[in-house]
Amino acid sequence: MFERLKRRIRGVLSFDEMARRSEEQIERALGSDEKDIALQQLDANLEWFEAWREEHHKMLCRIAQCSSRGEQAIAIRRETLRSIENSISTKPLLFDDFDESEGRLLAKALHPDRSYEEVLTADMQLFVYSQASSLCLRMLSFELGDARKNDWFTMYCDVYEQLVEHLYRDIIAQTKGDIYALPPPCNSRQENG
């Protein structure tokens, strides 16, 4: 039993290993035909890439300090959740979820002391960091044998994205002096029969 525990602890991913695999993952993604928007942005802006790498390496240092593979898997999930939340919470301002007038209202409500352009720039930077780190962290979770990754990752993304959208639509409605009504829940029993 003690030998098995020693093997498990020795099997943790080192910082150097995680950093190397992260770099490989980014290079592979940048070299593919179907580039992720965040990776395109990283490729296009070396300054942002260097800033992302510094933040990402701090994250990997925290994970590398864990003494077992199980603790590392938990730490990677925690960091992945943070990346998902950062990415999803900035996405509505950057893409087509809201039109520009709604985006401006939302930016003013969330960041009253900053211009719309400043908010967009900061959000794009955070989105880029979060998307790139999330991609690397998900790959590392496979290395640690986190086989259930797909189940929790997809479900968490879906639920969190819906919550953020409803929250933002409520903020926009309040800013306009309206009331935002949640869509009625889907009842599959009624729909089927």
N, C-alpha and C. Protein backbone atom coordinates (compact mmCIF):
# COMPACT_ATOMS: atom_id res chain seq x y z
N MET A 1 0.83 -1.20 0.00
CA MET A 1 0.00 0.00 0.00
C MET A 1 0.87 1.25 0.00
N PHE A 2 1.94 1.26 0.83
CA PHE A 2 2.81 2.42 0.90
C PHE A 2 3.52 2.65 -0.43
N GLU A 3 3.94 1.56 -1.08
CA GLU A 3 4.60 1.68 -2.38
C GLU A 3 3.65 2.26 -3.43
N ARG A 4 2.40 1.82 -3.36
CA ARG A 4 1.41 2.33 -4.31
C ARG A 4 1.20 3.83 -4.11
N LEU A 5 1.16 4.25 -2.84
CA LEU A 5 0.99 5.67 -2.52
C LEU A 5 2.19 6.47 -3.03
N LYS A 6 3.40 5.92 -2.83
CA LYS A 6 4.61 6.61 -3.30
C LYS A 6 4.58 6.77 -4.82
N ARG A 7 4.15 5.71 -5.52
CA ARG A 7 4.08 5.79 -6.98
C ARG A 7 3.08 6.85 -7.42
N ARG A 8 1.96 6.94 -6.69
CA ARG A 8 0.93 7.92 -7.03
C ARG A 8 1.45 9.34 -6.85
N ILE A 9 2.15 9.56 -5.73
CA ILE A 9 2.68 10.90 -5.47
C ILE A 9 3.77 11.25 -6.47
N ARG A 10 4.63 10.27 -6.77
CA ARG A 10 5.69 10.52 -7.75
C ARG A 10 5.11 10.80 -9.14
N GLY A 11 3.91 10.35 -9.38
CA GLY A 11 3.31 10.49 -10.71
C GLY A 11 2.73 11.86 -10.99
N VAL A 12 2.86 12.82 -10.06
CA VAL A 12 2.30 14.15 -10.30
C VAL A 12 3.01 14.79 -11.49
N LEU A 13 2.30 15.70 -12.15
CA LEU A 13 2.90 16.43 -13.27
C LEU A 13 3.76 17.57 -12.72
N SER A 14 4.99 17.65 -13.16
CA SER A 14 5.88 18.73 -12.73
C SER A 14 5.51 20.01 -13.46
N PHE A 15 5.99 21.13 -12.92
CA PHE A 15 5.75 22.42 -13.57
C PHE A 15 6.33 22.41 -14.97
N ASP A 16 7.55 21.92 -15.11
CA ASP A 16 8.20 21.90 -16.43
C ASP A 16 7.40 21.08 -17.44
N GLU A 17 6.88 19.95 -16.97
CA GLU A 17 6.08 19.09 -17.86
C GLU A 17 4.80 19.80 -18.27
N MET A 18 4.13 20.44 -17.30
CA MET A 18 2.89 21.15 -17.61
C MET A 18 3.15 22.31 -18.57
N ALA A 19 4.22 23.07 -18.32
CA ALA A 19 4.54 24.21 -19.19
C ALA A 19 4.85 23.73 -20.61
N ARG A 20 5.62 22.64 -20.71
CA ARG A 20 5.97 22.11 -22.03
C ARG A 20 4.72 21.66 -22.78
N ARG A 21 3.84 20.95 -22.09
CA ARG A 21 2.62 20.46 -22.74
C ARG A 21 1.69 21.61 -23.11
N SER A 22 1.66 22.65 -22.30
CA SER A 22 0.84 23.82 -22.63
C SER A 22 1.35 24.50 -23.90
N GLU A 23 2.67 24.66 -23.99
CA GLU A 23 3.26 25.27 -25.17
C GLU A 23 2.96 24.42 -26.42
N GLU A 24 3.07 23.11 -26.27
CA GLU A 24 2.78 22.21 -27.40
C GLU A 24 1.32 22.33 -27.84
N GLN A 25 0.44 22.44 -26.85
CA GLN A 25 -0.99 22.55 -27.15
C GLN A 25 -1.28 23.83 -27.93
N ILE A 26 -0.69 24.93 -27.50
CA ILE A 26 -0.89 26.20 -28.18
C ILE A 26 -0.32 26.14 -29.60
N GLU A 27 0.88 25.60 -29.75
CA GLU A 27 1.49 25.50 -31.08
C GLU A 27 0.64 24.63 -32.00
N ARG A 28 0.11 23.53 -31.46
CA ARG A 28 -0.72 22.63 -32.27
C ARG A 28 -1.99 23.35 -32.70
N ALA A 29 -2.60 24.09 -31.78
CA ALA A 29 -3.85 24.80 -32.10
C ALA A 29 -3.60 25.91 -33.12
N LEU A 30 -2.48 26.62 -32.96
CA LEU A 30 -2.17 27.71 -33.90
C LEU A 30 -1.84 27.18 -35.28
N GLY A 31 -1.36 25.94 -35.35
CA GLY A 31 -0.99 25.37 -36.63
C GLY A 31 -2.13 24.67 -37.34
N SER A 32 -3.28 24.54 -36.69
CA SER A 32 -4.39 23.82 -37.30
C SER A 32 -5.19 24.74 -38.22
N ASP A 33 -6.00 24.14 -39.08
CA ASP A 33 -6.82 24.93 -40.01
C ASP A 33 -7.95 25.66 -39.29
N GLU A 34 -8.53 24.99 -38.29
CA GLU A 34 -9.66 25.59 -37.57
C GLU A 34 -9.15 26.19 -36.26
N LYS A 35 -8.72 27.43 -36.34
CA LYS A 35 -8.15 28.08 -35.16
C LYS A 35 -9.26 28.63 -34.26
N ASP A 36 -9.08 28.46 -32.97
CA ASP A 36 -9.97 29.07 -32.00
C ASP A 36 -9.72 30.58 -31.99
N ILE A 37 -10.77 31.37 -31.78
CA ILE A 37 -10.62 32.83 -31.84
C ILE A 37 -9.60 33.34 -30.85
N ALA A 38 -9.57 32.76 -29.66
CA ALA A 38 -8.61 33.23 -28.66
C ALA A 38 -7.19 32.95 -29.10
N LEU A 39 -6.97 31.80 -29.71
CA LEU A 39 -5.63 31.44 -30.16
C LEU A 39 -5.22 32.29 -31.35
N GLN A 40 -6.17 32.65 -32.20
CA GLN A 40 -5.87 33.58 -33.30
C GLN A 40 -5.38 34.90 -32.73
N GLN A 41 -6.08 35.35 -31.69
CA GLN A 41 -5.73 36.63 -31.08
C GLN A 41 -4.35 36.55 -30.43
N LEU A 42 -4.07 35.44 -29.75
CA LEU A 42 -2.75 35.26 -29.15
C LEU A 42 -1.67 35.30 -30.22
N ASP A 43 -1.93 34.64 -31.32
CA ASP A 43 -0.97 34.57 -32.40
C ASP A 43 -0.74 35.96 -33.00
N ALA A 44 -1.80 36.75 -33.06
CA ALA A 44 -1.72 38.06 -33.70
C ALA A 44 -1.09 39.12 -32.81
N ASN A 45 -1.08 38.89 -31.51
CA ASN A 45 -0.61 39.92 -30.60
C ASN A 45 0.39 39.31 -29.62
N LEU A 46 1.66 39.46 -29.94
CA LEU A 46 2.72 38.84 -29.14
C LEU A 46 2.72 39.36 -27.71
N GLU A 47 2.39 40.64 -27.53
CA GLU A 47 2.39 41.23 -26.20
C GLU A 47 1.36 40.53 -25.32
N TRP A 48 0.16 40.28 -25.86
CA TRP A 48 -0.87 39.58 -25.10
C TRP A 48 -0.45 38.15 -24.82
N PHE A 49 0.23 37.53 -25.80
CA PHE A 49 0.66 36.15 -25.61
C PHE A 49 1.65 36.05 -24.45
N GLU A 50 2.58 37.00 -24.38
CA GLU A 50 3.56 36.98 -23.28
C GLU A 50 2.87 37.21 -21.94
N ALA A 51 1.89 38.12 -21.91
CA ALA A 51 1.15 38.37 -20.67
C ALA A 51 0.35 37.14 -20.26
N TRP A 52 -0.28 36.48 -21.27
CA TRP A 52 -1.02 35.26 -20.96
C TRP A 52 -0.09 34.19 -20.40
N ARG A 53 1.07 34.02 -21.03
CA ARG A 53 1.99 32.98 -20.61
C ARG A 53 2.43 33.20 -19.16
N GLU A 54 2.67 34.46 -18.78
CA GLU A 54 3.06 34.76 -17.40
C GLU A 54 1.96 34.37 -16.42
N GLU A 55 0.71 34.74 -16.73
CA GLU A 55 -0.42 34.39 -15.85
C GLU A 55 -0.64 32.88 -15.81
N HIS A 56 -0.54 32.25 -16.98
CA HIS A 56 -0.75 30.81 -17.07
C HIS A 56 0.31 30.06 -16.28
N HIS A 57 1.55 30.51 -16.32
CA HIS A 57 2.63 29.86 -15.58
C HIS A 57 2.43 29.99 -14.08
N LYS A 58 1.88 31.11 -13.62
CA LYS A 58 1.56 31.25 -12.19
C LYS A 58 0.54 30.19 -11.78
N MET A 59 -0.43 29.99 -12.66
CA MET A 59 -1.46 28.97 -12.42
C MET A 59 -0.83 27.58 -12.36
N LEU A 60 0.06 27.28 -13.30
CA LEU A 60 0.72 25.97 -13.32
C LEU A 60 1.59 25.77 -12.08
N CYS A 61 2.21 26.83 -11.59
CA CYS A 61 3.01 26.73 -10.35
C CYS A 61 2.13 26.31 -9.18
N ARG A 62 0.94 26.89 -9.09
CA ARG A 62 0.03 26.52 -7.99
C ARG A 62 -0.34 25.04 -8.09
N ILE A 63 -0.62 24.57 -9.32
CA ILE A 63 -1.00 23.17 -9.51
C ILE A 63 0.18 22.24 -9.20
N ALA A 64 1.39 22.65 -9.60
CA ALA A 64 2.58 21.81 -9.42
C ALA A 64 2.92 21.61 -7.94
N GLN A 65 2.44 22.49 -7.07
CA GLN A 65 2.74 22.37 -5.65
C GLN A 65 1.91 21.28 -4.97
N CYS A 66 0.89 20.76 -5.64
CA CYS A 66 0.07 19.69 -5.07
C CYS A 66 0.91 18.41 -5.01
N SER A 67 0.71 17.63 -3.95
CA SER A 67 1.60 16.48 -3.71
C SER A 67 1.10 15.17 -4.29
N SER A 68 -0.10 15.14 -4.86
CA SER A 68 -0.60 13.90 -5.47
C SER A 68 -1.36 14.21 -6.74
N ARG A 69 -1.53 13.18 -7.56
CA ARG A 69 -2.26 13.36 -8.82
C ARG A 69 -3.70 13.78 -8.55
N GLY A 70 -4.30 13.20 -7.52
CA GLY A 70 -5.68 13.55 -7.19
C GLY A 70 -5.82 15.01 -6.83
N GLU A 71 -4.89 15.53 -6.02
CA GLU A 71 -4.92 16.94 -5.66
C GLU A 71 -4.68 17.82 -6.88
N GLN A 72 -3.80 17.37 -7.76
CA GLN A 72 -3.57 18.14 -8.98
C GLN A 72 -4.82 18.18 -9.86
N ALA A 73 -5.51 17.06 -9.96
CA ALA A 73 -6.74 17.03 -10.77
C ALA A 73 -7.78 17.99 -10.20
N ILE A 74 -7.89 18.02 -8.87
CA ILE A 74 -8.83 18.96 -8.22
C ILE A 74 -8.42 20.39 -8.51
N ALA A 75 -7.11 20.67 -8.39
CA ALA A 75 -6.62 22.03 -8.63
C ALA A 75 -6.87 22.44 -10.08
N ILE A 76 -6.67 21.51 -11.00
CA ILE A 76 -6.90 21.82 -12.42
C ILE A 76 -8.38 22.10 -12.67
N ARG A 77 -9.25 21.33 -12.03
CA ARG A 77 -10.69 21.62 -12.18
C ARG A 77 -11.01 23.01 -11.65
N ARG A 78 -10.44 23.35 -10.50
CA ARG A 78 -10.71 24.66 -9.91
C ARG A 78 -10.25 25.79 -10.84
N GLU A 79 -9.04 25.65 -11.38
CA GLU A 79 -8.52 26.67 -12.30
C GLU A 79 -9.32 26.70 -13.60
N THR A 80 -9.76 25.52 -14.06
CA THR A 80 -10.56 25.46 -15.29
C THR A 80 -11.88 26.18 -15.10
N LEU A 81 -12.52 25.96 -13.95
CA LEU A 81 -13.79 26.65 -13.66
C LEU A 81 -13.60 28.15 -13.68
N ARG A 82 -12.51 28.62 -13.08
CA ARG A 82 -12.24 30.05 -13.07
C ARG A 82 -12.07 30.57 -14.50
N SER A 83 -11.37 29.80 -15.32
CA SER A 83 -11.17 30.20 -16.72
C SER A 83 -12.48 30.23 -17.49
N ILE A 84 -13.31 29.18 -17.27
CA ILE A 84 -14.62 29.13 -17.93
C ILE A 84 -15.45 30.35 -17.56
N GLU A 85 -15.51 30.66 -16.26
CA GLU A 85 -16.34 31.77 -15.80
C GLU A 85 -15.86 33.10 -16.37
N ASN A 86 -14.54 33.30 -16.39
CA ASN A 86 -14.00 34.53 -16.97
C ASN A 86 -14.34 34.64 -18.44
N SER A 87 -14.21 33.53 -19.14
CA SER A 87 -14.46 33.51 -20.59
C SER A 87 -15.93 33.79 -20.89
N ILE A 88 -16.81 33.09 -20.20
CA ILE A 88 -18.25 33.23 -20.47
C ILE A 88 -18.77 34.60 -20.07
N SER A 89 -18.27 35.14 -18.96
CA SER A 89 -18.79 36.43 -18.50
C SER A 89 -18.35 37.59 -19.38
N THR A 90 -17.29 37.41 -20.18
CA THR A 90 -16.87 38.49 -21.09
C THR A 90 -17.42 38.28 -22.50
N LYS A 91 -17.81 37.07 -22.82
CA LYS A 91 -18.23 36.75 -24.19
C LYS A 91 -19.41 37.58 -24.70
N PRO A 92 -20.45 37.84 -23.89
CA PRO A 92 -21.59 38.59 -24.44
C PRO A 92 -21.24 39.95 -25.01
N LEU A 93 -20.24 40.61 -24.44
CA LEU A 93 -19.86 41.92 -24.97
C LEU A 93 -19.03 41.82 -26.25
N LEU A 94 -18.44 40.67 -26.47
CA LEU A 94 -17.50 40.53 -27.58
C LEU A 94 -18.13 39.94 -28.84
N PHE A 95 -19.26 39.26 -28.70
CA PHE A 95 -19.83 38.56 -29.85
C PHE A 95 -21.27 39.00 -30.09
N ASP A 96 -22.09 38.13 -30.65
CA ASP A 96 -23.41 38.53 -31.12
C ASP A 96 -24.54 38.30 -30.13
N ASP A 97 -24.22 37.99 -28.88
CA ASP A 97 -25.28 37.73 -27.91
C ASP A 97 -26.13 38.98 -27.66
N PHE A 98 -25.49 40.17 -27.77
CA PHE A 98 -26.19 41.43 -27.57
C PHE A 98 -25.79 42.38 -28.70
N ASP A 99 -26.73 43.27 -29.09
CA ASP A 99 -26.35 44.26 -30.10
C ASP A 99 -25.51 45.36 -29.42
N GLU A 100 -24.99 46.28 -30.21
CA GLU A 100 -24.05 47.26 -29.65
C GLU A 100 -24.70 48.15 -28.60
N SER A 101 -25.96 48.54 -28.82
CA SER A 101 -26.63 49.41 -27.83
C SER A 101 -26.80 48.67 -26.50
N GLU A 102 -27.15 47.39 -26.57
CA GLU A 102 -27.27 46.59 -25.34
C GLU A 102 -25.90 46.41 -24.69
N GLY A 103 -24.88 46.18 -25.53
CA GLY A 103 -23.52 46.03 -25.01
C GLY A 103 -23.06 47.28 -24.28
N ARG A 104 -23.41 48.44 -24.83
CA ARG A 104 -23.03 49.70 -24.19
C ARG A 104 -23.74 49.88 -22.85
N LEU A 105 -25.03 49.55 -22.81
CA LEU A 105 -25.77 49.62 -21.55
C LEU A 105 -25.17 48.70 -20.50
N LEU A 106 -24.86 47.50 -20.93
CA LEU A 106 -24.29 46.51 -20.03
C LEU A 106 -22.92 46.94 -19.52
N ALA A 107 -22.08 47.42 -20.42
CA ALA A 107 -20.74 47.88 -20.03
C ALA A 107 -20.84 49.02 -19.03
N LYS A 108 -21.77 49.95 -19.25
CA LYS A 108 -21.94 51.10 -18.35
C LYS A 108 -22.42 50.64 -16.97
N ALA A 109 -23.32 49.65 -16.96
CA ALA A 109 -23.83 49.16 -15.68
C ALA A 109 -22.76 48.38 -14.91
N LEU A 110 -21.95 47.59 -15.63
CA LEU A 110 -20.94 46.76 -14.97
C LEU A 110 -19.67 47.54 -14.64
N HIS A 111 -19.34 48.52 -15.48
CA HIS A 111 -18.09 49.29 -15.30
C HIS A 111 -18.38 50.77 -15.52
N PRO A 112 -19.08 51.42 -14.58
CA PRO A 112 -19.51 52.80 -14.80
C PRO A 112 -18.37 53.80 -14.94
N ASP A 113 -17.17 53.47 -14.45
CA ASP A 113 -16.05 54.40 -14.48
C ASP A 113 -15.15 54.22 -15.71
N ARG A 114 -15.53 53.34 -16.65
CA ARG A 114 -14.69 53.09 -17.81
C ARG A 114 -15.49 53.27 -19.10
N SER A 115 -14.79 53.65 -20.17
CA SER A 115 -15.45 53.80 -21.46
C SER A 115 -15.78 52.43 -22.05
N TYR A 116 -16.69 52.42 -23.00
CA TYR A 116 -17.09 51.17 -23.66
C TYR A 116 -15.89 50.52 -24.33
N GLU A 117 -15.05 51.33 -24.98
CA GLU A 117 -13.87 50.80 -25.66
C GLU A 117 -12.89 50.17 -24.68
N GLU A 118 -12.70 50.80 -23.51
CA GLU A 118 -11.82 50.24 -22.48
C GLU A 118 -12.34 48.90 -21.98
N VAL A 119 -13.66 48.83 -21.78
CA VAL A 119 -14.27 47.59 -21.31
C VAL A 119 -14.09 46.48 -22.35
N LEU A 120 -14.32 46.80 -23.63
CA LEU A 120 -14.14 45.81 -24.69
C LEU A 120 -12.71 45.30 -24.75
N THR A 121 -11.74 46.21 -24.64
CA THR A 121 -10.33 45.81 -24.69
C THR A 121 -9.98 44.90 -23.53
N ALA A 122 -10.40 45.30 -22.31
CA ALA A 122 -10.12 44.48 -21.13
C ALA A 122 -10.81 43.13 -21.21
N ASP A 123 -12.04 43.12 -21.71
CA ASP A 123 -12.79 41.87 -21.82
C ASP A 123 -12.16 40.94 -22.85
N MET A 124 -11.71 41.50 -23.95
CA MET A 124 -11.06 40.66 -24.97
C MET A 124 -9.79 40.04 -24.41
N GLN A 125 -9.03 40.82 -23.65
CA GLN A 125 -7.80 40.30 -23.06
C GLN A 125 -8.12 39.16 -22.10
N LEU A 126 -9.12 39.37 -21.24
CA LEU A 126 -9.49 38.33 -20.27
C LEU A 126 -10.03 37.10 -20.99
N PHE A 127 -10.81 37.33 -22.04
CA PHE A 127 -11.36 36.21 -22.81
C PHE A 127 -10.23 35.38 -23.43
N VAL A 128 -9.26 36.07 -24.00
CA VAL A 128 -8.12 35.39 -24.62
C VAL A 128 -7.37 34.55 -23.59
N TYR A 129 -7.04 35.16 -22.44
CA TYR A 129 -6.32 34.42 -21.38
C TYR A 129 -7.12 33.19 -20.97
N SER A 130 -8.41 33.40 -20.75
CA SER A 130 -9.24 32.33 -20.20
C SER A 130 -9.42 31.18 -21.18
N GLN A 131 -9.68 31.51 -22.46
CA GLN A 131 -9.86 30.47 -23.46
C GLN A 131 -8.59 29.65 -23.65
N ALA A 132 -7.45 30.34 -23.72
CA ALA A 132 -6.19 29.63 -23.94
C ALA A 132 -5.84 28.75 -22.74
N SER A 133 -6.00 29.28 -21.54
CA SER A 133 -5.68 28.49 -20.35
C SER A 133 -6.63 27.32 -20.19
N SER A 134 -7.90 27.54 -20.48
CA SER A 134 -8.87 26.46 -20.37
C SER A 134 -8.52 25.32 -21.30
N LEU A 135 -8.10 25.64 -22.52
CA LEU A 135 -7.71 24.61 -23.48
C LEU A 135 -6.53 23.79 -22.94
N CYS A 136 -5.53 24.47 -22.40
CA CYS A 136 -4.36 23.77 -21.86
C CYS A 136 -4.71 22.95 -20.62
N LEU A 137 -5.53 23.50 -19.75
CA LEU A 137 -5.90 22.81 -18.52
C LEU A 137 -6.72 21.55 -18.81
N ARG A 138 -7.59 21.63 -19.79
CA ARG A 138 -8.38 20.44 -20.15
C ARG A 138 -7.48 19.33 -20.67
N MET A 139 -6.45 19.71 -21.42
CA MET A 139 -5.50 18.72 -21.91
C MET A 139 -4.73 18.11 -20.73
N LEU A 140 -4.33 18.92 -19.77
CA LEU A 140 -3.61 18.40 -18.61
C LEU A 140 -4.49 17.48 -17.76
N SER A 141 -5.78 17.77 -17.73
CA SER A 141 -6.68 16.91 -16.94
C SER A 141 -6.72 15.50 -17.51
N PHE A 142 -6.59 15.37 -18.83
CA PHE A 142 -6.50 14.04 -19.44
C PHE A 142 -5.24 13.32 -18.97
N GLU A 143 -4.13 14.07 -18.89
CA GLU A 143 -2.86 13.48 -18.45
C GLU A 143 -2.98 12.91 -17.04
N LEU A 144 -3.81 13.53 -16.22
CA LEU A 144 -3.98 13.08 -14.84
C LEU A 144 -5.07 12.02 -14.70
N GLY A 145 -5.65 11.62 -15.82
CA GLY A 145 -6.66 10.57 -15.77
C GLY A 145 -8.01 11.04 -15.28
N ASP A 146 -8.31 12.32 -15.47
CA ASP A 146 -9.61 12.84 -15.05
C ASP A 146 -10.64 12.48 -16.11
N ALA A 147 -11.07 11.22 -16.08
CA ALA A 147 -11.89 10.66 -17.16
C ALA A 147 -13.27 11.29 -17.23
N ARG A 148 -13.74 11.85 -16.14
CA ARG A 148 -15.10 12.40 -16.14
C ARG A 148 -15.13 13.84 -16.63
N LYS A 149 -14.00 14.31 -17.13
CA LYS A 149 -13.89 15.71 -17.52
C LYS A 149 -15.00 16.16 -18.45
N ASN A 150 -15.30 15.38 -19.47
CA ASN A 150 -16.30 15.81 -20.45
C ASN A 150 -17.66 16.02 -19.82
N ASP A 151 -18.05 15.14 -18.90
CA ASP A 151 -19.36 15.27 -18.27
C ASP A 151 -19.48 16.60 -17.53
N TRP A 152 -18.59 16.86 -16.58
CA TRP A 152 -18.73 18.05 -15.76
C TRP A 152 -18.43 19.32 -16.55
N PHE A 153 -17.48 19.26 -17.47
CA PHE A 153 -17.08 20.46 -18.20
C PHE A 153 -18.22 20.97 -19.07
N THR A 154 -18.82 20.09 -19.86
CA THR A 154 -19.90 20.49 -20.77
C THR A 154 -21.10 20.99 -19.98
N MET A 155 -21.47 20.24 -18.93
CA MET A 155 -22.64 20.63 -18.14
C MET A 155 -22.41 21.98 -17.47
N TYR A 156 -21.24 22.18 -16.89
CA TYR A 156 -20.95 23.43 -16.20
C TYR A 156 -20.97 24.60 -17.17
N CYS A 157 -20.36 24.42 -18.34
CA CYS A 157 -20.36 25.49 -19.36
C CYS A 157 -21.78 25.89 -19.74
N ASP A 158 -22.62 24.88 -20.01
CA ASP A 158 -24.00 25.15 -20.45
C ASP A 158 -24.77 25.92 -19.38
N VAL A 159 -24.70 25.42 -18.15
CA VAL A 159 -25.47 26.05 -17.06
C VAL A 159 -24.95 27.45 -16.78
N TYR A 160 -23.64 27.61 -16.70
CA TYR A 160 -23.07 28.92 -16.37
C TYR A 160 -23.36 29.94 -17.46
N GLU A 161 -23.29 29.50 -18.72
CA GLU A 161 -23.57 30.42 -19.83
C GLU A 161 -25.02 30.91 -19.77
N GLN A 162 -25.94 30.02 -19.46
CA GLN A 162 -27.35 30.43 -19.35
C GLN A 162 -27.55 31.41 -18.20
N LEU A 163 -26.91 31.13 -17.06
CA LEU A 163 -27.04 32.03 -15.91
C LEU A 163 -26.52 33.42 -16.22
N VAL A 164 -25.36 33.49 -16.87
CA VAL A 164 -24.77 34.78 -17.22
C VAL A 164 -25.67 35.54 -18.19
N GLU A 165 -26.20 34.84 -19.18
CA GLU A 165 -27.07 35.51 -20.15
C GLU A 165 -28.31 36.09 -19.46
N HIS A 166 -28.95 35.30 -18.59
CA HIS A 166 -30.15 35.80 -17.89
C HIS A 166 -29.80 36.98 -16.98
N LEU A 167 -28.67 36.88 -16.29
CA LEU A 167 -28.25 37.97 -15.42
C LEU A 167 -28.03 39.25 -16.23
N TYR A 168 -27.34 39.15 -17.36
CA TYR A 168 -27.05 40.32 -18.18
C TYR A 168 -28.33 40.89 -18.80
N ARG A 169 -29.24 40.01 -19.23
CA ARG A 169 -30.50 40.51 -19.80
C ARG A 169 -31.32 41.25 -18.73
N ASP A 170 -31.24 40.76 -17.49
CA ASP A 170 -31.93 41.44 -16.39
C ASP A 170 -31.31 42.82 -16.14
N ILE A 171 -29.98 42.90 -16.17
CA ILE A 171 -29.31 44.20 -15.97
C ILE A 171 -29.70 45.18 -17.07
N ILE A 172 -29.74 44.71 -18.32
CA ILE A 172 -30.12 45.57 -19.45
C ILE A 172 -31.56 46.06 -19.27
N ALA A 173 -32.46 45.14 -18.91
CA ALA A 173 -33.87 45.51 -18.71
C ALA A 173 -34.01 46.55 -17.61
N GLN A 174 -33.34 46.35 -16.49
CA GLN A 174 -33.42 47.31 -15.39
C GLN A 174 -32.89 48.68 -15.80
N THR A 175 -31.79 48.68 -16.58
CA THR A 175 -31.21 49.94 -17.04
C THR A 175 -32.20 50.69 -17.93
N LYS A 176 -32.99 49.95 -18.72
CA LYS A 176 -34.00 50.57 -19.60
C LYS A 176 -35.29 50.89 -18.85
N GLY A 177 -35.39 50.46 -17.60
CA GLY A 177 -36.62 50.66 -16.83
C GLY A 177 -37.66 49.59 -17.09
N ASP A 178 -37.24 48.46 -17.68
CA ASP A 178 -38.15 47.36 -17.96
C ASP A 178 -38.00 46.27 -16.90
N ILE A 179 -38.81 45.23 -17.05
CA ILE A 179 -38.69 44.06 -16.18
C ILE A 179 -38.37 42.87 -17.07
N TYR A 180 -37.33 42.15 -16.69
CA TYR A 180 -36.93 40.97 -17.48
C TYR A 180 -37.62 39.75 -16.89
N ALA A 181 -38.39 39.06 -17.73
CA ALA A 181 -39.07 37.84 -17.29
C ALA A 181 -38.30 36.64 -17.82
N LEU A 182 -37.95 35.74 -16.92
CA LEU A 182 -37.28 34.50 -17.35
C LEU A 182 -38.19 33.72 -18.27
N PRO A 183 -37.65 33.08 -19.30
CA PRO A 183 -38.49 32.23 -20.15
C PRO A 183 -39.06 31.08 -19.33
N PRO A 184 -40.28 30.62 -19.67
CA PRO A 184 -40.87 29.53 -18.88
C PRO A 184 -40.03 28.26 -19.02
N PRO A 185 -39.94 27.47 -17.94
CA PRO A 185 -39.18 26.22 -18.01
C PRO A 185 -39.81 25.25 -19.00
N CYS A 186 -38.99 24.48 -19.68
CA CYS A 186 -39.49 23.50 -20.64
C CYS A 186 -39.99 22.27 -19.89
N ASN A 187 -41.21 21.85 -20.18
CA ASN A 187 -41.76 20.66 -19.53
C ASN A 187 -41.89 19.58 -20.59
N SER A 188 -40.94 18.66 -20.61
CA SER A 188 -40.93 17.65 -21.66
C SER A 188 -42.14 16.73 -21.59
N ARG A 189 -42.71 16.57 -20.40
CA ARG A 189 -43.89 15.69 -20.26
C ARG A 189 -45.08 16.27 -21.00
N GLN A 190 -45.25 17.64 -20.88
CA GLN A 190 -46.37 18.27 -21.59
C GLN A 190 -46.14 18.26 -23.10
N GLU A 191 -44.88 18.50 -23.51
CA GLU A 191 -44.59 18.53 -24.94
C GLU A 191 -44.80 17.17 -25.59
N ASN A 192 -44.52 16.11 -24.85
CA ASN A 192 -44.64 14.76 -25.42
C ASN A 192 -46.03 14.17 -25.32
N GLY A 193 -46.88 14.87 -24.65
CA GLY A 193 -48.12 14.17 -24.64
C GLY A 193 -49.21 14.58 -23.81
